[in-house]
């Protein structure tokens, strides 16, 4: 047996992506979700739960914008808002998802 150690980036990525693949498998076969839309919303919600750190066996993850270095200058020129690069939006994403669905319908 090997000595416990911190996971590598590749291992963290694999664990997270395996979890997402499991979410897709679950919602594909969830009989209580009547429509395709219900299943798609279930997939989105479940992924956000994982990012927020409320899924079993996964920690929370940082969700931070990473705009291109020219983003701010472009948006200033266009007179539009730009993304910051120093904010983490995770930690409650799944709680706000249904509000987003209402705003976009």
PDB file of N, CA and C in Angstrom:
ATOM      1  N   UNK A   1       0.850  -1.176   0.000  1.00  0.00           N
ATOM      2  CA  UNK A   1       0.000   0.000   0.000  1.00  0.00           C
ATOM      3  C   UNK A   1       0.897   1.241   0.000  1.00  0.00           C
ATOM      4  N   UNK A   2       0.550   2.219  -0.802  1.00  0.00           N
ATOM      5  CA  UNK A   2       1.355   3.428  -0.886  1.00  0.00           C
ATOM      6  C   UNK A   2       0.986   4.395   0.236  1.00  0.00           C
ATOM      7  N   UNK A   3       1.897   5.263   0.528  1.00  0.00           N
ATOM      8  CA  UNK A   3       1.712   6.282   1.567  1.00  0.00           C
ATOM      9  C   UNK A   3       0.734   7.355   1.065  1.00  0.00           C
ATOM     10  N   UNK A   4      -0.207   7.792   1.886  1.00  0.00           N
ATOM     11  CA  UNK A   4      -1.143   8.849   1.460  1.00  0.00           C
ATOM     12  C   UNK A   4      -0.393  10.111   1.048  1.00  0.00           C
ATOM     13  N   UNK A   5      -0.916  10.799   0.034  1.00  0.00           N
ATOM     14  CA  UNK A   5      -0.279  11.992  -0.510  1.00  0.00           C
ATOM     15  C   UNK A   5      -1.338  12.883  -1.129  1.00  0.00           C
ATOM     16  N   UNK A   6      -0.974  14.081  -1.450  1.00  0.00           N
ATOM     17  CA  UNK A   6      -1.883  14.995  -2.140  1.00  0.00           C
ATOM     18  C   UNK A   6      -2.093  14.484  -3.571  1.00  0.00           C
ATOM     19  N   UNK A   7      -3.301  14.659  -4.061  1.00  0.00           N
ATOM     20  CA  UNK A   7      -3.597  14.234  -5.435  1.00  0.00           C
ATOM     21  C   UNK A   7      -2.882  15.132  -6.431  1.00  0.00           C
ATOM     22  N   UNK A   8      -2.580  14.579  -7.581  1.00  0.00           N
ATOM     23  CA  UNK A   8      -2.024  15.375  -8.674  1.00  0.00           C
ATOM     24  C   UNK A   8      -3.166  16.112  -9.383  1.00  0.00           C
ATOM     25  N   UNK A   9      -2.816  17.072 -10.194  1.00  0.00           N
ATOM     26  CA  UNK A   9      -3.808  17.795 -10.994  1.00  0.00           C
ATOM     27  C   UNK A   9      -4.583  16.813 -11.867  1.00  0.00           C
ATOM     28  N   UNK A  10      -3.893  15.887 -12.494  1.00  0.00           N
ATOM     29  CA  UNK A  10      -4.560  14.901 -13.352  1.00  0.00           C
ATOM     30  C   UNK A  10      -5.534  14.040 -12.553  1.00  0.00           C
ATOM     31  N   UNK A  11      -5.166  13.669 -11.341  1.00  0.00           N
ATOM     32  CA  UNK A  11      -6.063  12.861 -10.504  1.00  0.00           C
ATOM     33  C   UNK A  11      -7.297  13.654 -10.083  1.00  0.00           C
ATOM     34  N   UNK A  12      -7.109  14.907  -9.699  1.00  0.00           N
ATOM     35  CA  UNK A  12      -8.250  15.755  -9.325  1.00  0.00           C
ATOM     36  C   UNK A  12      -9.194  15.906 -10.510  1.00  0.00           C
ATOM     37  N   UNK A  13      -8.628  16.168 -11.672  1.00  0.00           N
ATOM     38  CA  UNK A  13      -9.441  16.315 -12.887  1.00  0.00           C
ATOM     39  C   UNK A  13     -10.231  15.032 -13.157  1.00  0.00           C
ATOM     40  N   UNK A  14      -9.564  13.891 -13.046  1.00  0.00           N
ATOM     41  CA  UNK A  14     -10.228  12.608 -13.311  1.00  0.00           C
ATOM     42  C   UNK A  14     -11.357  12.344 -12.314  1.00  0.00           C
ATOM     43  N   UNK A  15     -11.127  12.621 -11.049  1.00  0.00           N
ATOM     44  CA  UNK A  15     -12.173  12.421 -10.034  1.00  0.00           C
ATOM     45  C   UNK A  15     -13.376  13.313 -10.333  1.00  0.00           C
ATOM     46  N   UNK A  16     -13.117  14.575 -10.647  1.00  0.00           N
ATOM     47  CA  UNK A  16     -14.212  15.497 -10.937  1.00  0.00           C
ATOM     48  C   UNK A  16     -14.971  15.063 -12.194  1.00  0.00           C
ATOM     49  N   UNK A  17     -14.251  14.755 -13.261  1.00  0.00           N
ATOM     50  CA  UNK A  17     -14.910  14.362 -14.511  1.00  0.00           C
ATOM     51  C   UNK A  17     -15.639  13.030 -14.383  1.00  0.00           C
ATOM     52  N   UNK A  18     -15.099  12.111 -13.604  1.00  0.00           N
ATOM     53  CA  UNK A  18     -15.815  10.855 -13.346  1.00  0.00           C
ATOM     54  C   UNK A  18     -17.119  11.136 -12.609  1.00  0.00           C
ATOM     55  N   UNK A  19     -17.090  12.097 -11.695  1.00  0.00           N
ATOM     56  CA  UNK A  19     -18.313  12.483 -10.989  1.00  0.00           C
ATOM     57  C   UNK A  19     -19.334  13.060 -11.966  1.00  0.00           C
ATOM     58  N   UNK A  20     -18.894  13.932 -12.868  1.00  0.00           N
ATOM     59  CA  UNK A  20     -19.795  14.513 -13.867  1.00  0.00           C
ATOM     60  C   UNK A  20     -20.364  13.417 -14.768  1.00  0.00           C
ATOM     61  N   UNK A  21     -19.539  12.472 -15.179  1.00  0.00           N
ATOM     62  CA  UNK A  21     -20.025  11.360 -16.002  1.00  0.00           C
ATOM     63  C   UNK A  21     -21.081  10.559 -15.244  1.00  0.00           C
ATOM     64  N   UNK A  22     -20.882  10.378 -13.952  1.00  0.00           N
ATOM     65  CA  UNK A  22     -21.871   9.686 -13.128  1.00  0.00           C
ATOM     66  C   UNK A  22     -23.179  10.456 -13.029  1.00  0.00           C
ATOM     67  N   UNK A  23     -23.091  11.772 -12.972  1.00  0.00           N
ATOM     68  CA  UNK A  23     -24.287  12.620 -12.955  1.00  0.00           C
ATOM     69  C   UNK A  23     -25.090  12.416 -14.237  1.00  0.00           C
ATOM     70  N   UNK A  24     -24.418  12.411 -15.363  1.00  0.00           N
ATOM     71  CA  UNK A  24     -25.097  12.211 -16.648  1.00  0.00           C
ATOM     72  C   UNK A  24     -25.779  10.843 -16.664  1.00  0.00           C
ATOM     73  N   UNK A  25     -25.066   9.808 -16.225  1.00  0.00           N
ATOM     74  CA  UNK A  25     -25.667   8.463 -16.175  1.00  0.00           C
ATOM     75  C   UNK A  25     -26.907   8.446 -15.290  1.00  0.00           C
ATOM     76  N   UNK A  26     -26.818   9.083 -14.129  1.00  0.00           N
ATOM     77  CA  UNK A  26     -27.946   9.114 -13.205  1.00  0.00           C
ATOM     78  C   UNK A  26     -29.161   9.781 -13.846  1.00  0.00           C
ATOM     79  N   UNK A  27     -28.973  10.984 -14.412  1.00  0.00           N
ATOM     80  CA  UNK A  27     -30.108  11.728 -14.942  1.00  0.00           C
ATOM     81  C   UNK A  27     -30.640  11.134 -16.237  1.00  0.00           C
ATOM     82  N   UNK A  28     -29.819  10.407 -16.967  1.00  0.00           N
ATOM     83  CA  UNK A  28     -30.315   9.730 -18.161  1.00  0.00           C
ATOM     84  C   UNK A  28     -31.380   8.699 -17.793  1.00  0.00           C
ATOM     85  N   UNK A  29     -31.233   8.073 -16.631  1.00  0.00           N
ATOM     86  CA  UNK A  29     -32.113   6.981 -16.222  1.00  0.00           C
ATOM     87  C   UNK A  29     -33.072   7.350 -15.095  1.00  0.00           C
ATOM     88  N   UNK A  30     -33.131   8.600 -14.715  1.00  0.00           N
ATOM     89  CA  UNK A  30     -34.008   9.012 -13.616  1.00  0.00           C
ATOM     90  C   UNK A  30     -35.459   9.026 -14.073  1.00  0.00           C
ATOM     91  N   UNK A  31     -36.218   8.053 -13.600  1.00  0.00           N
ATOM     92  CA  UNK A  31     -37.605   7.886 -14.053  1.00  0.00           C
ATOM     93  C   UNK A  31     -38.539   8.959 -13.503  1.00  0.00           C
ATOM     94  N   UNK A  32     -38.182   9.593 -12.408  1.00  0.00           N
ATOM     95  CA  UNK A  32     -39.048  10.629 -11.825  1.00  0.00           C
ATOM     96  C   UNK A  32     -38.953  11.953 -12.576  1.00  0.00           C
ATOM     97  N   UNK A  33     -37.931  12.116 -13.415  1.00  0.00           N
ATOM     98  CA  UNK A  33     -37.797  13.338 -14.224  1.00  0.00           C
ATOM     99  C   UNK A  33     -38.558  13.112 -15.516  1.00  0.00           C
ATOM    100  N   UNK A  34     -39.665  13.795 -15.653  1.00  0.00           N
ATOM    101  CA  UNK A  34     -40.556  13.519 -16.761  1.00  0.00           C
ATOM    102  C   UNK A  34     -40.053  13.922 -18.136  1.00  0.00           C
ATOM    103  N   UNK A  35     -39.515  15.101 -18.246  1.00  0.00           N
ATOM    104  CA  UNK A  35     -39.171  15.604 -19.565  1.00  0.00           C
ATOM    105  C   UNK A  35     -37.658  15.664 -19.755  1.00  0.00           C
ATOM    106  N   UNK A  36     -37.262  15.862 -20.996  1.00  0.00           N
ATOM    107  CA  UNK A  36     -35.842  16.061 -21.288  1.00  0.00           C
ATOM    108  C   UNK A  36     -35.365  17.308 -20.554  1.00  0.00           C
ATOM    109  N   UNK A  37     -36.169  18.359 -20.546  1.00  0.00           N
ATOM    110  CA  UNK A  37     -35.805  19.599 -19.843  1.00  0.00           C
ATOM    111  C   UNK A  37     -35.557  19.325 -18.365  1.00  0.00           C
ATOM    112  N   UNK A  38     -36.412  18.518 -17.730  1.00  0.00           N
ATOM    113  CA  UNK A  38     -36.218  18.180 -16.318  1.00  0.00           C
ATOM    114  C   UNK A  38     -34.866  17.499 -16.106  1.00  0.00           C
ATOM    115  N   UNK A  39     -34.519  16.605 -17.011  1.00  0.00           N
ATOM    116  CA  UNK A  39     -33.239  15.894 -16.892  1.00  0.00           C
ATOM    117  C   UNK A  39     -32.056  16.850 -17.106  1.00  0.00           C
ATOM    118  N   UNK A  40     -32.171  17.731 -18.093  1.00  0.00           N
ATOM    119  CA  UNK A  40     -31.093  18.694 -18.342  1.00  0.00           C
ATOM    120  C   UNK A  40     -30.902  19.618 -17.135  1.00  0.00           C
ATOM    121  N   UNK A  41     -32.005  20.082 -16.563  1.00  0.00           N
ATOM    122  CA  UNK A  41     -31.899  20.920 -15.371  1.00  0.00           C
ATOM    123  C   UNK A  41     -31.290  20.137 -14.216  1.00  0.00           C
ATOM    124  N   UNK A  42     -31.619  18.863 -14.115  1.00  0.00           N
ATOM    125  CA  UNK A  42     -31.038  18.010 -13.077  1.00  0.00           C
ATOM    126  C   UNK A  42     -29.534  17.866 -13.238  1.00  0.00           C
ATOM    127  N   UNK A  43     -29.069  17.690 -14.467  1.00  0.00           N
ATOM    128  CA  UNK A  43     -27.630  17.600 -14.732  1.00  0.00           C
ATOM    129  C   UNK A  43     -26.949  18.903 -14.324  1.00  0.00           C
ATOM    130  N   UNK A  44     -27.493  20.032 -14.770  1.00  0.00           N
ATOM    131  CA  UNK A  44     -26.888  21.329 -14.453  1.00  0.00           C
ATOM    132  C   UNK A  44     -26.848  21.545 -12.938  1.00  0.00           C
ATOM    133  N   UNK A  45     -27.949  21.294 -12.269  1.00  0.00           N
ATOM    134  CA  UNK A  45     -28.023  21.471 -10.817  1.00  0.00           C
ATOM    135  C   UNK A  45     -27.000  20.591 -10.113  1.00  0.00           C
ATOM    136  N   UNK A  46     -26.905  19.337 -10.518  1.00  0.00           N
ATOM    137  CA  UNK A  46     -25.989  18.397  -9.875  1.00  0.00           C
ATOM    138  C   UNK A  46     -24.527  18.801 -10.064  1.00  0.00           C
ATOM    139  N   UNK A  47     -24.183  19.315 -11.235  1.00  0.00           N
ATOM    140  CA  UNK A  47     -22.808  19.776 -11.468  1.00  0.00           C
ATOM    141  C   UNK A  47     -22.513  20.981 -10.574  1.00  0.00           C
ATOM    142  N   UNK A  48     -23.467  21.899 -10.450  1.00  0.00           N
ATOM    143  CA  UNK A  48     -23.255  23.055  -9.588  1.00  0.00           C
ATOM    144  C   UNK A  48     -23.144  22.648  -8.123  1.00  0.00           C
ATOM    145  N   UNK A  49     -23.917  21.663  -7.696  1.00  0.00           N
ATOM    146  CA  UNK A  49     -23.798  21.140  -6.330  1.00  0.00           C
ATOM    147  C   UNK A  49     -22.370  20.645  -6.095  1.00  0.00           C
ATOM    148  N   UNK A  50     -21.815  19.933  -7.080  1.00  0.00           N
ATOM    149  CA  UNK A  50     -20.442  19.435  -6.952  1.00  0.00           C
ATOM    150  C   UNK A  50     -19.450  20.595  -6.854  1.00  0.00           C
ATOM    151  N   UNK A  51     -19.575  21.590  -7.709  1.00  0.00           N
ATOM    152  CA  UNK A  51     -18.671  22.734  -7.663  1.00  0.00           C
ATOM    153  C   UNK A  51     -18.778  23.478  -6.335  1.00  0.00           C
ATOM    154  N   UNK A  52     -19.983  23.547  -5.794  1.00  0.00           N
ATOM    155  CA  UNK A  52     -20.216  24.248  -4.533  1.00  0.00           C
ATOM    156  C   UNK A  52     -19.707  23.482  -3.315  1.00  0.00           C
ATOM    157  N   UNK A  53     -19.290  22.233  -3.512  1.00  0.00           N
ATOM    158  CA  UNK A  53     -18.744  21.459  -2.409  1.00  0.00           C
ATOM    159  C   UNK A  53     -19.776  20.730  -1.584  1.00  0.00           C
ATOM    160  N   UNK A  54     -20.941  20.462  -2.167  1.00  0.00           N
ATOM    161  CA  UNK A  54     -21.993  19.782  -1.421  1.00  0.00           C
ATOM    162  C   UNK A  54     -22.307  18.399  -1.966  1.00  0.00           C
ATOM    163  N   UNK A  55     -21.402  17.867  -2.791  1.00  0.00           N
ATOM    164  CA  UNK A  55     -21.536  16.497  -3.282  1.00  0.00           C
ATOM    165  C   UNK A  55     -20.649  15.598  -2.426  1.00  0.00           C
ATOM    166  N   UNK A  56     -21.116  14.402  -2.184  1.00  0.00           N
ATOM    167  CA  UNK A  56     -20.333  13.458  -1.388  1.00  0.00           C
ATOM    168  C   UNK A  56     -18.980  13.203  -2.030  1.00  0.00           C
ATOM    169  N   UNK A  57     -17.952  13.176  -1.224  1.00  0.00           N
ATOM    170  CA  UNK A  57     -16.595  12.798  -1.629  1.00  0.00           C
ATOM    171  C   UNK A  57     -15.875  13.829  -2.496  1.00  0.00           C
ATOM    172  N   UNK A  58     -16.437  15.018  -2.667  1.00  0.00           N
ATOM    173  CA  UNK A  58     -15.751  16.065  -3.420  1.00  0.00           C
ATOM    174  C   UNK A  58     -15.696  17.342  -2.578  1.00  0.00           C
ATOM    175  N   UNK A  59     -14.580  18.061  -2.649  1.00  0.00           N
ATOM    176  CA  UNK A  59     -14.527  19.365  -1.990  1.00  0.00           C
ATOM    177  C   UNK A  59     -15.182  20.416  -2.878  1.00  0.00           C
ATOM    178  N   UNK A  60     -15.337  21.603  -2.365  1.00  0.00           N
ATOM    179  CA  UNK A  60     -15.776  22.708  -3.212  1.00  0.00           C
ATOM    180  C   UNK A  60     -14.654  23.102  -4.162  1.00  0.00           C
ATOM    181  N   UNK A  61     -15.024  23.728  -5.246  1.00  0.00           N
ATOM    182  CA  UNK A  61     -14.053  24.166  -6.245  1.00  0.00           C
ATOM    183  C   UNK A  61     -14.182  25.668  -6.434  1.00  0.00           C
ATOM    184  N   UNK A  62     -13.099  26.295  -6.805  1.00  0.00           N
ATOM    185  CA  UNK A  62     -13.087  27.707  -7.134  1.00  0.00           C
ATOM    186  C   UNK A  62     -13.615  27.880  -8.557  1.00  0.00           C
ATOM    187  N   UNK A  63     -14.525  28.826  -8.734  1.00  0.00           N
ATOM    188  CA  UNK A  63     -15.042  29.141 -10.069  1.00  0.00           C
ATOM    189  C   UNK A  63     -14.758  30.624 -10.289  1.00  0.00           C
ATOM    190  N   UNK A  64     -13.686  30.885 -11.009  1.00  0.00           N
ATOM    191  CA  UNK A  64     -13.191  32.240 -11.180  1.00  0.00           C
ATOM    192  C   UNK A  64     -13.075  32.585 -12.654  1.00  0.00           C
ATOM    193  N   UNK A  65     -13.601  33.747 -13.074  1.00  0.00           N
ATOM    194  CA  UNK A  65     -13.414  34.143 -14.472  1.00  0.00           C
ATOM    195  C   UNK A  65     -11.922  34.299 -14.790  1.00  0.00           C
ATOM    196  N   UNK A  66     -11.595  34.017 -16.014  1.00  0.00           N
ATOM    197  CA  UNK A  66     -10.217  34.169 -16.487  1.00  0.00           C
ATOM    198  C   UNK A  66     -10.248  34.903 -17.822  1.00  0.00           C
ATOM    199  N   UNK A  67     -10.573  36.195 -17.790  1.00  0.00           N
ATOM    200  CA  UNK A  67     -10.705  36.938 -19.044  1.00  0.00           C
ATOM    201  C   UNK A  67      -9.358  37.118 -19.737  1.00  0.00           C
ATOM    202  N   UNK A  68      -9.431  37.259 -21.036  1.00  0.00           N
ATOM    203  CA  UNK A  68      -8.232  37.536 -21.833  1.00  0.00           C
ATOM    204  C   UNK A  68      -7.660  38.878 -21.389  1.00  0.00           C
ATOM    205  N   UNK A  69      -6.358  39.038 -21.508  1.00  0.00           N
ATOM    206  CA  UNK A  69      -5.705  40.272 -21.052  1.00  0.00           C
ATOM    207  C   UNK A  69      -6.223  41.524 -21.760  1.00  0.00           C
ATOM    208  N   UNK A  70      -6.789  41.368 -22.951  1.00  0.00           N
ATOM    209  CA  UNK A  70      -7.311  42.527 -23.687  1.00  0.00           C
ATOM    210  C   UNK A  70      -8.801  42.778 -23.425  1.00  0.00           C
ATOM    211  N   UNK A  71      -9.402  41.959 -22.593  1.00  0.00           N
ATOM    212  CA  UNK A  71     -10.845  42.037 -22.355  1.00  0.00           C
ATOM    213  C   UNK A  71     -11.287  43.405 -21.829  1.00  0.00           C
ATOM    214  N   UNK A  72     -10.625  43.892 -20.800  1.00  0.00           N
ATOM    215  CA  UNK A  72     -11.043  45.174 -20.213  1.00  0.00           C
ATOM    216  C   UNK A  72     -10.948  46.310 -21.222  1.00  0.00           C
ATOM    217  N   UNK A  73      -9.836  46.390 -21.944  1.00  0.00           N
ATOM    218  CA  UNK A  73      -9.670  47.467 -22.927  1.00  0.00           C
ATOM    219  C   UNK A  73     -10.733  47.389 -24.021  1.00  0.00           C
ATOM    220  N   UNK A  74     -11.028  46.184 -24.493  1.00  0.00           N
ATOM    221  CA  UNK A  74     -12.053  46.001 -25.523  1.00  0.00           C
ATOM    222  C   UNK A  74     -13.410  46.497 -25.021  1.00  0.00           C
ATOM    223  N   UNK A  75     -13.783  46.072 -23.835  1.00  0.00           N
ATOM    224  CA  UNK A  75     -15.096  46.451 -23.307  1.00  0.00           C
ATOM    225  C   UNK A  75     -15.177  47.944 -22.986  1.00  0.00           C
ATOM    226  N   UNK A  76     -14.099  48.514 -22.504  1.00  0.00           N
ATOM    227  CA  UNK A  76     -14.091  49.968 -22.283  1.00  0.00           C
ATOM    228  C   UNK A  76     -14.382  50.687 -23.593  1.00  0.00           C
ATOM    229  N   UNK A  77     -13.703  50.246 -24.664  1.00  0.00           N
ATOM    230  CA  UNK A  77     -13.886  50.858 -25.982  1.00  0.00           C
ATOM    231  C   UNK A  77     -15.327  50.695 -26.470  1.00  0.00           C
ATOM    232  N   UNK A  78     -15.914  49.528 -26.210  1.00  0.00           N
ATOM    233  CA  UNK A  78     -17.286  49.239 -26.634  1.00  0.00           C
ATOM    234  C   UNK A  78     -18.335  49.848 -25.710  1.00  0.00           C
ATOM    235  N   UNK A  79     -17.904  50.320 -24.550  1.00  0.00           N
ATOM    236  CA  UNK A  79     -18.852  50.883 -23.583  1.00  0.00           C
ATOM    237  C   UNK A  79     -19.656  49.828 -22.851  1.00  0.00           C
ATOM    238  N   UNK A  80     -19.060  48.650 -22.691  1.00  0.00           N
ATOM    239  CA  UNK A  80     -19.744  47.546 -22.015  1.00  0.00           C
ATOM    240  C   UNK A  80     -18.934  47.093 -20.801  1.00  0.00           C
ATOM    241  N   UNK A  81     -19.592  46.366 -19.942  1.00  0.00           N
ATOM    242  CA  UNK A  81     -18.953  45.860 -18.729  1.00  0.00           C
ATOM    243  C   UNK A  81     -18.048  44.672 -19.041  1.00  0.00           C
ATOM    244  N   UNK A  82     -17.044  44.464 -18.210  1.00  0.00           N
ATOM    245  CA  UNK A  82     -16.116  43.339 -18.386  1.00  0.00           C
ATOM    246  C   UNK A  82     -16.070  42.522 -17.107  1.00  0.00           C
ATOM    247  N   UNK A  83     -15.534  41.311 -17.245  1.00  0.00           N
ATOM    248  CA  UNK A  83     -15.424  40.394 -16.120  1.00  0.00           C
ATOM    249  C   UNK A  83     -14.206  40.730 -15.265  1.00  0.00           C
ATOM    250  N   UNK A  84     -14.351  40.645 -13.936  1.00  0.00           N
ATOM    251  CA  UNK A  84     -13.182  40.765 -13.078  1.00  0.00           C
ATOM    252  C   UNK A  84     -12.406  39.443 -13.123  1.00  0.00           C
ATOM    253  N   UNK A  85     -11.178  39.461 -12.663  1.00  0.00           N
ATOM    254  CA  UNK A  85     -10.413  38.210 -12.620  1.00  0.00           C
ATOM    255  C   UNK A  85     -10.049  37.825 -11.197  1.00  0.00           C
ATOM    256  N   UNK A  86     -10.707  38.450 -10.223  1.00  0.00           N
ATOM    257  CA  UNK A  86     -10.354  38.217  -8.827  1.00  0.00           C
ATOM    258  C   UNK A  86     -11.565  37.870  -7.960  1.00  0.00           C
ATOM    259  N   UNK A  87     -12.540  37.203  -8.550  1.00  0.00           N
ATOM    260  CA  UNK A  87     -13.751  36.873  -7.806  1.00  0.00           C
ATOM    261  C   UNK A  87     -14.063  35.386  -7.981  1.00  0.00           C
ATOM    262  N   UNK A  88     -14.478  34.749  -6.894  1.00  0.00           N
ATOM    263  CA  UNK A  88     -14.879  33.342  -6.918  1.00  0.00           C
ATOM    264  C   UNK A  88     -16.393  33.298  -6.748  1.00  0.00           C
ATOM    265  N   UNK A  89     -17.101  32.803  -7.753  1.00  0.00           N
ATOM    266  CA  UNK A  89     -18.569  32.797  -7.696  1.00  0.00           C
ATOM    267  C   UNK A  89     -19.135  31.505  -7.119  1.00  0.00           C
ATOM    268  N   UNK A  90     -18.279  30.541  -6.785  1.00  0.00           N
ATOM    269  CA  UNK A  90     -18.760  29.259  -6.264  1.00  0.00           C
ATOM    270  C   UNK A  90     -19.203  29.394  -4.811  1.00  0.00           C
ATOM    271  N   UNK A  91     -19.846  28.351  -4.346  1.00  0.00           N
ATOM    272  CA  UNK A  91     -20.272  28.301  -2.956  1.00  0.00           C
ATOM    273  C   UNK A  91     -21.770  28.416  -2.784  1.00  0.00           C
ATOM    274  N   UNK A  92     -22.492  28.729  -3.810  1.00  0.00           N
ATOM    275  CA  UNK A  92     -23.946  28.816  -3.723  1.00  0.00           C
ATOM    276  C   UNK A  92     -24.588  28.803  -5.086  1.00  0.00           C
ATOM    277  N   UNK A  93     -23.834  28.363  -6.076  1.00  0.00           N
ATOM    278  CA  UNK A  93     -24.347  28.389  -7.450  1.00  0.00           C
ATOM    279  C   UNK A  93     -25.645  27.611  -7.596  1.00  0.00           C
ATOM    280  N   UNK A  94     -25.696  26.406  -7.031  1.00  0.00           N
ATOM    281  CA  UNK A  94     -26.900  25.582  -7.213  1.00  0.00           C
ATOM    282  C   UNK A  94     -28.129  26.226  -6.590  1.00  0.00           C
ATOM    283  N   UNK A  95     -27.927  27.044  -5.562  1.00  0.00           N
ATOM    284  CA  UNK A  95     -29.051  27.700  -4.901  1.00  0.00           C
ATOM    285  C   UNK A  95     -29.663  28.802  -5.765  1.00  0.00           C
ATOM    286  N   UNK A  96     -28.914  29.311  -6.724  1.00  0.00           N
ATOM    287  CA  UNK A  96     -29.377  30.415  -7.570  1.00  0.00           C
ATOM    288  C   UNK A  96     -29.795  29.967  -8.974  1.00  0.00           C
ATOM    289  N   UNK A  97     -29.636  28.699  -9.279  1.00  0.00           N
ATOM    290  CA  UNK A  97     -29.890  28.221 -10.633  1.00  0.00           C
ATOM    291  C   UNK A  97     -31.340  28.429 -11.065  1.00  0.00           C
ATOM    292  N   UNK A  98     -32.285  28.142 -10.201  1.00  0.00           N
ATOM    293  CA  UNK A  98     -33.688  28.269 -10.606  1.00  0.00           C
ATOM    294  C   UNK A  98     -34.051  29.726 -10.910  1.00  0.00           C
ATOM    295  N   UNK A  99     -33.416  30.672 -10.209  1.00  0.00           N
ATOM    296  CA  UNK A  99     -33.623  32.087 -10.545  1.00  0.00           C
ATOM    297  C   UNK A  99     -33.121  32.374 -11.960  1.00  0.00           C
ATOM    298  N   UNK A 100     -31.995  31.780 -12.325  1.00  0.00           N
ATOM    299  CA  UNK A 100     -31.452  31.967 -13.681  1.00  0.00           C
ATOM    300  C   UNK A 100     -32.392  31.385 -14.713  1.00  0.00           C
ATOM    301  N   UNK A 101     -32.954  30.221 -14.435  1.00  0.00           N
ATOM    302  CA  UNK A 101     -33.930  29.632 -15.372  1.00  0.00           C
ATOM    303  C   UNK A 101     -35.115  30.574 -15.576  1.00  0.00           C
ATOM    304  N   UNK A 102     -35.604  31.169 -14.491  1.00  0.00           N
ATOM    305  CA  UNK A 102     -36.746  32.100 -14.600  1.00  0.00           C
ATOM    306  C   UNK A 102     -36.363  33.332 -15.426  1.00  0.00           C
ATOM    307  N   UNK A 103     -35.146  33.840 -15.232  1.00  0.00           N
ATOM    308  CA  UNK A 103     -34.727  35.048 -15.972  1.00  0.00           C
ATOM    309  C   UNK A 103     -34.556  34.793 -17.458  1.00  0.00           C
ATOM    310  N   UNK A 104     -34.218  33.575 -17.846  1.00  0.00           N
ATOM    311  CA  UNK A 104     -33.903  33.298 -19.257  1.00  0.00           C
ATOM    312  C   UNK A 104     -35.078  32.713 -20.022  1.00  0.00           C
ATOM    313  N   UNK A 105     -36.162  32.490 -19.390  1.00  0.00           N
ATOM    314  CA  UNK A 105     -37.325  31.928 -20.103  1.00  0.00           C
ATOM    315  C   UNK A 105     -38.205  33.026 -20.626  1.00  0.00           C
TER     316      UNK A 105
END
